[in-house]
Amino acid sequence: MSEAHLEGEVRNGPVIVAVANQKGGVGKTTTVINLAACLAASEKLTLIIDLDPQCNATSGIACESQEEPSLLDLLLDPAAHPQPLPHPTIPRLEILTGCPDLVGGEKLLSEMPDPAHCVRRILEGLSHNEKKYDFVFLDCPPALNLITLNALSSATHLLVPVQAEYFALEGLTDILESFEFARQNTNQNLQLLGLLLTMVDSRTNLSVEVENELRRHYGDKVFKTTIPRNVRLSEAPSHGLPIILYDIWSRGAKAYMELTKEILNNGA
């Protein structure tokens, strides 16, 4: 995608990125937090919607879940007007906080009219707060369930973090099949923003082999930027900080700043 194309989408409405992979522990929430923070630092008004019942995106930037209305309440109420919380220290970053009750919300969502578009109704409800977001990140649960289908049905783009190990490659087929299902059935405009290699250790043969295999199979669908295995990056969420505030000189911070530049300059 060209820079003009992506910037044109920002002007016409937010770039809505579902960050999804049914495999847990691949750096999905880490990517949401740090990419959103870097975009906000680049003067892009950015919103995180924490759709994962574990609420790690919420706690990872030191926010507490809103009690009323909860995210589940918003998903179940077509007339809801969401009110995202501004981040206390990062200008232009906002969040709709996570809700642990989402873990049991699948049945309630399945009983809704048009259950695949509950997240889309939240996004439409955001128009009432008169803010024009540049980017919205949907942090999906580590499962190919109704909530993830909602995210794919509502997003303009899909970003898939892929851990640099062979089991992660095996699971990639499932999320890409869900991507194609959404394109054919619920969201024909959905595009693949890219596959992002995470937890890369270039000193090991395994990381090098997995990266080569991924690029051989998927070519330019794989981001040029890779995210290294980095202690400071792992520590940052326990302090409620994105990596650019926790340690801007770390390899993890430099990688997410490079990824931000790649998305803004080149697309995927």
C-alpha atoms as a PDB file:
ATOM      1  CA  MET A   1       0.000   0.000   0.000  1.00  0.00           C
ATOM      2  CA  SER A   2       1.384   3.403  -0.905  1.00  0.00           C
ATOM      3  CA  GLU A   3       1.764   6.239   1.588  1.00  0.00           C
ATOM      4  CA  ALA A   4      -0.780   8.293  -0.393  1.00  0.00           C
ATOM      5  CA  HIS A   5      -3.274   5.414  -0.208  1.00  0.00           C
ATOM      6  CA  LEU A   6      -2.924   4.984   3.559  1.00  0.00           C
ATOM      7  CA  GLU A   7      -2.949   8.720   4.250  1.00  0.00           C
ATOM      8  CA  GLY A   8      -6.029   9.013   2.028  1.00  0.00           C
ATOM      9  CA  GLU A   9      -7.784   6.462   4.209  1.00  0.00           C
ATOM     10  CA  VAL A  10      -6.873   8.479   7.311  1.00  0.00           C
ATOM     11  CA  ARG A  11      -8.463  11.561   5.753  1.00  0.00           C
ATOM     12  CA  ASN A  12     -11.621   9.643   4.821  1.00  0.00           C
ATOM     13  CA  GLY A  13     -11.938   7.976   8.212  1.00  0.00           C
ATOM     14  CA  PRO A  14      -9.739   6.122  10.680  1.00  0.00           C
ATOM     15  CA  VAL A  15      -7.476   3.262   9.690  1.00  0.00           C
ATOM     16  CA  ILE A  16      -8.985   0.497  11.843  1.00  0.00           C
ATOM     17  CA  VAL A  17      -6.455  -2.248  12.517  1.00  0.00           C
ATOM     18  CA  ALA A  18      -7.484  -5.602  13.966  1.00  0.00           C
ATOM     19  CA  VAL A  19      -4.399  -7.121  15.610  1.00  0.00           C
ATOM     20  CA  ALA A  20      -5.140 -10.820  15.761  1.00  0.00           C
ATOM     21  CA  ASN A  21      -3.619 -14.260  16.068  1.00  0.00           C
ATOM     22  CA  GLN A  22      -5.384 -17.203  17.668  1.00  0.00           C
ATOM     23  CA  LYS A  23      -2.089 -18.271  19.243  1.00  0.00           C
ATOM     24  CA  GLY A  24      -1.377 -16.571  22.568  1.00  0.00           C
ATOM     25  CA  GLY A  25       1.977 -15.137  23.593  1.00  0.00           C
ATOM     26  CA  VAL A  26       3.019 -13.886  20.153  1.00  0.00           C
ATOM     27  CA  GLY A  27       3.313 -10.184  21.016  1.00  0.00           C
ATOM     28  CA  LYS A  28      -0.185  -9.148  19.965  1.00  0.00           C
ATOM     29  CA  THR A  29      -0.969  -6.818  22.867  1.00  0.00           C
ATOM     30  CA  THR A  30       2.649  -5.624  23.026  1.00  0.00           C
ATOM     31  CA  THR A  31       2.266  -4.560  19.393  1.00  0.00           C
ATOM     32  CA  VAL A  32      -1.060  -2.809  20.024  1.00  0.00           C
ATOM     33  CA  ILE A  33       0.287  -0.802  22.973  1.00  0.00           C
ATOM     34  CA  ASN A  34       3.591   0.195  21.429  1.00  0.00           C
ATOM     35  CA  LEU A  35       2.436   0.851  17.889  1.00  0.00           C
ATOM     36  CA  ALA A  36      -0.468   2.959  19.187  1.00  0.00           C
ATOM     37  CA  ALA A  37       1.885   4.926  21.465  1.00  0.00           C
ATOM     38  CA  CYS A  38       4.347   5.550  18.615  1.00  0.00           C
ATOM     39  CA  LEU A  39       1.569   6.748  16.320  1.00  0.00           C
ATOM     40  CA  ALA A  40       0.250   9.053  19.040  1.00  0.00           C
ATOM     41  CA  ALA A  41       3.785  10.405  19.452  1.00  0.00           C
ATOM     42  CA  SER A  42       3.723  11.006  15.678  1.00  0.00           C
ATOM     43  CA  GLU A  43       0.732  13.310  16.232  1.00  0.00           C
ATOM     44  CA  LYS A  44      -1.872  10.787  15.090  1.00  0.00           C
ATOM     45  CA  LEU A  45      -5.016  10.667  17.243  1.00  0.00           C
ATOM     46  CA  THR A  46      -5.077   6.989  18.151  1.00  0.00           C
ATOM     47  CA  LEU A  47      -7.594   4.788  19.957  1.00  0.00           C
ATOM     48  CA  ILE A  48      -7.157   1.311  21.454  1.00  0.00           C
ATOM     49  CA  ILE A  49     -10.229  -0.892  21.927  1.00  0.00           C
ATOM     50  CA  ASP A  50      -9.304  -3.725  24.292  1.00  0.00           C
ATOM     51  CA  LEU A  51     -11.396  -6.694  23.107  1.00  0.00           C
ATOM     52  CA  ASP A  52      -9.355  -9.292  24.988  1.00  0.00           C
ATOM     53  CA  PRO A  53     -11.019 -10.447  28.265  1.00  0.00           C
ATOM     54  CA  GLN A  54      -7.540 -10.624  29.823  1.00  0.00           C
ATOM     55  CA  CYS A  55      -7.476  -6.795  29.542  1.00  0.00           C
ATOM     56  CA  ASN A  56      -3.700  -6.724  29.054  1.00  0.00           C
ATOM     57  CA  ALA A  57      -3.795  -3.679  26.782  1.00  0.00           C
ATOM     58  CA  THR A  58      -5.686  -1.842  29.519  1.00  0.00           C
ATOM     59  CA  SER A  59      -3.300  -2.760  32.330  1.00  0.00           C
ATOM     60  CA  GLY A  60      -0.268  -2.431  30.048  1.00  0.00           C
ATOM     61  CA  ILE A  61      -0.776   1.327  29.816  1.00  0.00           C
ATOM     62  CA  ALA A  62      -1.791   1.684  33.474  1.00  0.00           C
ATOM     63  CA  CYS A  63      -5.544   2.151  32.969  1.00  0.00           C
ATOM     64  CA  GLU A  64      -8.352   0.623  35.019  1.00  0.00           C
ATOM     65  CA  SER A  65     -11.365  -0.960  33.343  1.00  0.00           C
ATOM     66  CA  GLN A  66     -14.406   1.293  33.213  1.00  0.00           C
ATOM     67  CA  GLU A  67     -17.194  -0.205  35.312  1.00  0.00           C
ATOM     68  CA  GLU A  68     -20.169   1.486  33.607  1.00  0.00           C
ATOM     69  CA  PRO A  69     -20.742   1.159  30.796  1.00  0.00           C
ATOM     70  CA  SER A  70     -18.355  -1.740  30.381  1.00  0.00           C
ATOM     71  CA  LEU A  71     -17.133  -2.782  26.951  1.00  0.00           C
ATOM     72  CA  LEU A  72     -19.600  -5.688  27.067  1.00  0.00           C
ATOM     73  CA  ASP A  73     -22.405  -3.196  27.773  1.00  0.00           C
ATOM     74  CA  LEU A  74     -21.326  -1.192  24.730  1.00  0.00           C
ATOM     75  CA  LEU A  75     -21.248  -4.283  22.523  1.00  0.00           C
ATOM     76  CA  LEU A  76     -24.770  -5.253  23.616  1.00  0.00           C
ATOM     77  CA  ASP A  77     -26.317  -1.776  23.281  1.00  0.00           C
ATOM     78  CA  PRO A  78     -26.742  -0.620  19.662  1.00  0.00           C
ATOM     79  CA  ALA A  79     -27.559   2.898  20.870  1.00  0.00           C
ATOM     80  CA  ALA A  80     -24.493   3.269  23.107  1.00  0.00           C
ATOM     81  CA  HIS A  81     -22.263   6.326  22.820  1.00  0.00           C
ATOM     82  CA  PRO A  82     -18.753   5.189  23.778  1.00  0.00           C
ATOM     83  CA  GLN A  83     -16.596   7.611  25.749  1.00  0.00           C
ATOM     84  CA  PRO A  84     -12.931   6.568  25.454  1.00  0.00           C
ATOM     85  CA  LEU A  85     -10.517   7.527  28.219  1.00  0.00           C
ATOM     86  CA  PRO A  86      -7.580   9.771  27.355  1.00  0.00           C
ATOM     87  CA  HIS A  87      -4.249   8.358  28.428  1.00  0.00           C
ATOM     88  CA  PRO A  88      -2.981  10.311  31.454  1.00  0.00           C
ATOM     89  CA  THR A  89       0.523  10.965  30.078  1.00  0.00           C
ATOM     90  CA  ILE A  90       0.442  10.314  26.312  1.00  0.00           C
ATOM     91  CA  PRO A  91      -1.317  13.055  24.346  1.00  0.00           C
ATOM     92  CA  ARG A  92      -3.462  11.830  21.423  1.00  0.00           C
ATOM     93  CA  LEU A  93      -3.737   8.279  22.828  1.00  0.00           C
ATOM     94  CA  GLU A  94      -7.131   7.067  24.064  1.00  0.00           C
ATOM     95  CA  ILE A  95      -8.574   3.701  25.095  1.00  0.00           C
ATOM     96  CA  LEU A  96     -11.872   1.893  25.481  1.00  0.00           C
ATOM     97  CA  THR A  97     -10.826  -0.305  28.372  1.00  0.00           C
ATOM     98  CA  GLY A  98     -11.177  -4.065  28.521  1.00  0.00           C
ATOM     99  CA  CYS A  99     -13.838  -6.043  30.313  1.00  0.00           C
ATOM    100  CA  PRO A 100     -13.236  -9.436  31.991  1.00  0.00           C
ATOM    101  CA  ASP A 101     -16.942 -10.263  31.485  1.00  0.00           C
ATOM    102  CA  LEU A 102     -16.244 -10.618  27.764  1.00  0.00           C
ATOM    103  CA  VAL A 103     -15.040 -14.140  28.542  1.00  0.00           C
ATOM    104  CA  GLY A 104     -18.685 -15.151  29.075  1.00  0.00           C
ATOM    105  CA  GLY A 105     -20.164 -12.687  26.618  1.00  0.00           C
ATOM    106  CA  GLU A 106     -20.058 -14.869  23.517  1.00  0.00           C
ATOM    107  CA  LYS A 107     -23.540 -16.313  24.074  1.00  0.00           C
ATOM    108  CA  LEU A 108     -25.047 -12.868  24.685  1.00  0.00           C
ATOM    109  CA  LEU A 109     -23.386 -11.514  21.548  1.00  0.00           C
ATOM    110  CA  SER A 110     -24.581 -14.460  19.483  1.00  0.00           C
ATOM    111  CA  GLU A 111     -28.167 -13.574  20.403  1.00  0.00           C
ATOM    112  CA  MET A 112     -27.810 -10.008  19.107  1.00  0.00           C
ATOM    113  CA  PRO A 113     -29.269  -8.966  15.750  1.00  0.00           C
ATOM    114  CA  ASP A 114     -26.377  -9.074  13.265  1.00  0.00           C
ATOM    115  CA  PRO A 115     -23.950 -10.449  15.893  1.00  0.00           C
ATOM    116  CA  ALA A 116     -20.862 -10.065  13.685  1.00  0.00           C
ATOM    117  CA  HIS A 117     -21.203  -6.276  13.652  1.00  0.00           C
ATOM    118  CA  CYS A 118     -21.397  -5.330  17.347  1.00  0.00           C
ATOM    119  CA  VAL A 119     -17.907  -3.781  17.226  1.00  0.00           C
ATOM    120  CA  ARG A 120     -18.829  -1.890  14.064  1.00  0.00           C
ATOM    121  CA  ARG A 121     -21.737  -0.290  15.954  1.00  0.00           C
ATOM    122  CA  ILE A 122     -19.300   0.869  18.668  1.00  0.00           C
ATOM    123  CA  LEU A 123     -17.127   2.442  15.980  1.00  0.00           C
ATOM    124  CA  GLU A 124     -20.162   4.166  14.483  1.00  0.00           C
ATOM    125  CA  GLY A 125     -21.112   5.399  17.969  1.00  0.00           C
ATOM    126  CA  LEU A 126     -17.722   7.087  18.301  1.00  0.00           C
ATOM    127  CA  SER A 127     -18.883   9.680  15.768  1.00  0.00           C
ATOM    128  CA  HIS A 128     -20.963  11.265  18.540  1.00  0.00           C
ATOM    129  CA  ASN A 129     -17.868  12.452  20.430  1.00  0.00           C
ATOM    130  CA  GLU A 130     -16.805  14.550  17.409  1.00  0.00           C
ATOM    131  CA  LYS A 131     -13.208  13.331  17.495  1.00  0.00           C
ATOM    132  CA  LYS A 132     -11.622  12.267  14.241  1.00  0.00           C
ATOM    133  CA  TYR A 133      -9.334   9.361  15.013  1.00  0.00           C
ATOM    134  CA  ASP A 134      -6.493   8.639  12.621  1.00  0.00           C
ATOM    135  CA  PHE A 135      -5.933   5.074  13.848  1.00  0.00           C
ATOM    136  CA  VAL A 136      -8.039   2.619  15.852  1.00  0.00           C
ATOM    137  CA  PHE A 137      -6.481  -0.633  17.122  1.00  0.00           C
ATOM    138  CA  LEU A 138      -8.685  -3.607  17.984  1.00  0.00           C
ATOM    139  CA  ASP A 139      -6.775  -5.874  20.383  1.00  0.00           C
ATOM    140  CA  CYS A 140      -8.356  -9.276  19.755  1.00  0.00           C
ATOM    141  CA  PRO A 141      -8.493 -12.265  22.115  1.00  0.00           C
ATOM    142  CA  PRO A 142      -6.168 -15.196  21.353  1.00  0.00           C
ATOM    143  CA  ALA A 143      -8.993 -17.201  19.763  1.00  0.00           C
ATOM    144  CA  LEU A 144     -10.881 -17.326  16.475  1.00  0.00           C
ATOM    145  CA  ASN A 145     -14.215 -16.623  18.171  1.00  0.00           C
ATOM    146  CA  LEU A 146     -17.159 -14.277  17.647  1.00  0.00           C
ATOM    147  CA  ILE A 147     -15.273 -11.306  19.118  1.00  0.00           C
ATOM    148  CA  THR A 148     -12.390 -11.804  16.692  1.00  0.00           C
ATOM    149  CA  LEU A 149     -14.892 -12.173  13.824  1.00  0.00           C
ATOM    150  CA  ASN A 150     -16.423  -8.878  14.994  1.00  0.00           C
ATOM    151  CA  ALA A 151     -13.031  -7.218  14.804  1.00  0.00           C
ATOM    152  CA  LEU A 152     -12.362  -8.573  11.308  1.00  0.00           C
ATOM    153  CA  SER A 153     -15.854  -7.507  10.227  1.00  0.00           C
ATOM    154  CA  SER A 154     -15.242  -3.962  11.465  1.00  0.00           C
ATOM    155  CA  ALA A 155     -11.618  -3.292  10.562  1.00  0.00           C
ATOM    156  CA  THR A 156     -10.110  -1.761   7.473  1.00  0.00           C
ATOM    157  CA  HIS A 157      -6.899  -3.770   7.974  1.00  0.00           C
ATOM    158  CA  LEU A 158      -5.539  -6.893   9.689  1.00  0.00           C
ATOM    159  CA  LEU A 159      -2.101  -7.035  11.319  1.00  0.00           C
ATOM    160  CA  VAL A 160      -0.881 -10.492  12.358  1.00  0.00           C
ATOM    161  CA  PRO A 161       2.010 -10.790  14.834  1.00  0.00           C
ATOM    162  CA  VAL A 162       3.941 -14.014  14.216  1.00  0.00           C
ATOM    163  CA  GLN A 163       6.435 -15.320  16.765  1.00  0.00           C
ATOM    164  CA  ALA A 164       9.699 -16.502  15.236  1.00  0.00           C
ATOM    165  CA  GLU A 165       9.074 -20.210  15.851  1.00  0.00           C
ATOM    166  CA  TYR A 166       7.759 -23.039  13.679  1.00  0.00           C
ATOM    167  CA  PHE A 167       4.552 -23.674  15.627  1.00  0.00           C
ATOM    168  CA  ALA A 168       3.577 -20.059  14.989  1.00  0.00           C
ATOM    169  CA  LEU A 169       3.965 -20.617  11.249  1.00  0.00           C
ATOM    170  CA  GLU A 170       1.654 -23.610  11.428  1.00  0.00           C
ATOM    171  CA  GLY A 171      -1.078 -21.544  13.087  1.00  0.00           C
ATOM    172  CA  LEU A 172      -0.813 -18.740  10.561  1.00  0.00           C
ATOM    173  CA  THR A 173      -3.048 -20.582   8.094  1.00  0.00           C
ATOM    174  CA  ASP A 174      -6.028 -20.400  10.469  1.00  0.00           C
ATOM    175  CA  ILE A 175      -5.990 -16.622  10.960  1.00  0.00           C
ATOM    176  CA  LEU A 176      -5.492 -16.047   7.227  1.00  0.00           C
ATOM    177  CA  GLU A 177      -8.451 -18.333   6.509  1.00  0.00           C
ATOM    178  CA  SER A 178     -10.519 -16.230   8.941  1.00  0.00           C
ATOM    179  CA  PHE A 179      -9.315 -13.126   7.096  1.00  0.00           C
ATOM    180  CA  GLU A 180     -10.575 -14.576   3.788  1.00  0.00           C
ATOM    181  CA  PHE A 181     -13.858 -15.655   5.404  1.00  0.00           C
ATOM    182  CA  ALA A 182     -14.449 -12.107   6.662  1.00  0.00           C
ATOM    183  CA  ARG A 183     -13.608 -10.659   3.238  1.00  0.00           C
ATOM    184  CA  GLN A 184     -16.070 -12.959   1.517  1.00  0.00           C
ATOM    185  CA  ASN A 185     -18.915 -12.794   4.056  1.00  0.00           C
ATOM    186  CA  THR A 186     -18.849  -9.758   6.329  1.00  0.00           C
ATOM    187  CA  ASN A 187     -16.264  -7.190   5.205  1.00  0.00           C
ATOM    188  CA  GLN A 188     -15.207  -7.174   1.557  1.00  0.00           C
ATOM    189  CA  ASN A 189     -13.018  -4.090   2.102  1.00  0.00           C
ATOM    190  CA  LEU A 190     -10.740  -5.719   4.690  1.00  0.00           C
ATOM    191  CA  GLN A 191      -7.059  -5.578   3.699  1.00  0.00           C
ATOM    192  CA  LEU A 192      -3.971  -7.289   5.074  1.00  0.00           C
ATOM    193  CA  LEU A 193      -1.741  -4.607   6.582  1.00  0.00           C
ATOM    194  CA  GLY A 194       1.007  -7.144   7.136  1.00  0.00           C
ATOM    195  CA  LEU A 195       2.569 -10.049   9.001  1.00  0.00           C
ATOM    196  CA  LEU A 196       4.890  -8.906  11.788  1.00  0.00           C
ATOM    197  CA  LEU A 197       7.720 -11.116  13.004  1.00  0.00           C
ATOM    198  CA  THR A 198       8.068 -10.821  16.792  1.00  0.00           C
ATOM    199  CA  MET A 199      10.445 -12.146  19.459  1.00  0.00           C
ATOM    200  CA  VAL A 200      13.192 -12.470  16.867  1.00  0.00           C
ATOM    201  CA  ASP A 201      16.626 -13.537  18.068  1.00  0.00           C
ATOM    202  CA  SER A 202      18.909 -13.128  15.052  1.00  0.00           C
ATOM    203  CA  ARG A 203      21.685 -15.025  16.886  1.00  0.00           C
ATOM    204  CA  THR A 204      19.755 -18.294  16.561  1.00  0.00           C
ATOM    205  CA  ASN A 205      19.389 -20.390  13.441  1.00  0.00           C
ATOM    206  CA  LEU A 206      15.713 -20.944  14.254  1.00  0.00           C
ATOM    207  CA  SER A 207      14.765 -17.247  14.062  1.00  0.00           C
ATOM    208  CA  VAL A 208      16.691 -16.838  10.808  1.00  0.00           C
ATOM    209  CA  GLU A 209      15.080 -19.938   9.281  1.00  0.00           C
ATOM    210  CA  VAL A 210      11.557 -18.921  10.331  1.00  0.00           C
ATOM    211  CA  GLU A 211      12.035 -15.430   8.931  1.00  0.00           C
ATOM    212  CA  ASN A 212      13.353 -16.803   5.634  1.00  0.00           C
ATOM    213  CA  GLU A 213      10.451 -19.250   5.405  1.00  0.00           C
ATOM    214  CA  LEU A 214       7.874 -16.559   6.139  1.00  0.00           C
ATOM    215  CA  ARG A 215       9.304 -14.186   3.539  1.00  0.00           C
ATOM    216  CA  ARG A 216       9.560 -16.993   0.980  1.00  0.00           C
ATOM    217  CA  HIS A 217       5.884 -17.896   1.376  1.00  0.00           C
ATOM    218  CA  TYR A 218       4.358 -14.437   1.908  1.00  0.00           C
ATOM    219  CA  GLY A 219       6.794 -12.035   0.260  1.00  0.00           C
ATOM    220  CA  ASP A 220       5.929  -8.357   0.664  1.00  0.00           C
ATOM    221  CA  LYS A 221       3.033  -9.191   2.987  1.00  0.00           C
ATOM    222  CA  VAL A 222       5.701  -9.460   5.710  1.00  0.00           C
ATOM    223  CA  PHE A 223       6.842  -6.195   7.288  1.00  0.00           C
ATOM    224  CA  LYS A 224      10.489  -5.349   6.694  1.00  0.00           C
ATOM    225  CA  THR A 225      10.709  -4.378  10.354  1.00  0.00           C
ATOM    226  CA  THR A 226      11.012  -7.208  12.869  1.00  0.00           C
ATOM    227  CA  ILE A 227      10.548  -6.986  16.630  1.00  0.00           C
ATOM    228  CA  PRO A 228      13.471  -8.402  18.630  1.00  0.00           C
ATOM    229  CA  ARG A 229      13.314 -10.457  21.779  1.00  0.00           C
ATOM    230  CA  ASN A 230      14.135  -7.681  24.267  1.00  0.00           C
ATOM    231  CA  VAL A 231      14.145  -7.653  28.075  1.00  0.00           C
ATOM    232  CA  ARG A 232      13.184  -3.978  28.338  1.00  0.00           C
ATOM    233  CA  LEU A 233      10.230  -4.568  26.031  1.00  0.00           C
ATOM    234  CA  SER A 234       9.056  -7.426  28.268  1.00  0.00           C
ATOM    235  CA  GLU A 235       9.453  -5.326  31.430  1.00  0.00           C
ATOM    236  CA  ALA A 236       7.549  -2.251  30.211  1.00  0.00           C
ATOM    237  CA  PRO A 237       3.934  -3.527  30.714  1.00  0.00           C
ATOM    238  CA  SER A 238       4.590  -4.303  34.386  1.00  0.00           C
ATOM    239  CA  HIS A 239       5.287  -0.585  34.800  1.00  0.00           C
ATOM    240  CA  GLY A 240       2.174   0.410  32.822  1.00  0.00           C
ATOM    241  CA  LEU A 241       4.293   2.082  30.158  1.00  0.00           C
ATOM    242  CA  PRO A 242       4.794   1.723  26.412  1.00  0.00           C
ATOM    243  CA  ILE A 243       8.403   1.065  25.548  1.00  0.00           C
ATOM    244  CA  ILE A 244       9.035   4.586  24.212  1.00  0.00           C
ATOM    245  CA  LEU A 245       8.364   5.924  27.723  1.00  0.00           C
ATOM    246  CA  TYR A 246      10.007   3.082  29.613  1.00  0.00           C
ATOM    247  CA  ASP A 247      13.276   2.957  27.644  1.00  0.00           C
ATOM    248  CA  ILE A 248      13.341   4.859  24.369  1.00  0.00           C
ATOM    249  CA  TRP A 249      16.939   3.749  23.675  1.00  0.00           C
ATOM    250  CA  SER A 250      16.142   0.044  23.851  1.00  0.00           C
ATOM    251  CA  ARG A 251      16.126  -2.206  20.799  1.00  0.00           C
ATOM    252  CA  GLY A 252      12.398  -2.800  21.325  1.00  0.00           C
ATOM    253  CA  ALA A 253      11.613   0.925  21.221  1.00  0.00           C
ATOM    254  CA  LYS A 254      13.701   1.427  18.093  1.00  0.00           C
ATOM    255  CA  ALA A 255      11.926  -1.494  16.402  1.00  0.00           C
ATOM    256  CA  TYR A 256       8.429  -0.155  17.096  1.00  0.00           C
ATOM    257  CA  MET A 257       9.450   3.317  15.946  1.00  0.00           C
ATOM    258  CA  GLU A 258      10.756   1.741  12.715  1.00  0.00           C
ATOM    259  CA  LEU A 259       7.496  -0.184  12.305  1.00  0.00           C
ATOM    260  CA  THR A 260       5.524   3.038  12.756  1.00  0.00           C
ATOM    261  CA  LYS A 261       7.655   4.725  10.115  1.00  0.00           C
ATOM    262  CA  GLU A 262       7.172   1.769   7.755  1.00  0.00           C
ATOM    263  CA  ILE A 263       3.392   1.867   8.139  1.00  0.00           C
ATOM    264  CA  LEU A 264       3.174   5.624   7.650  1.00  0.00           C
ATOM    265  CA  ASN A 265       5.655   5.772   4.765  1.00  0.00           C
ATOM    266  CA  ASN A 266       5.075   2.582   2.841  1.00  0.00           C
ATOM    267  CA  GLY A 267       1.984   0.749   4.021  1.00  0.00           C
ATOM    268  CA  ALA A 268       2.316  -3.004   3.503  1.00  0.00           C
END
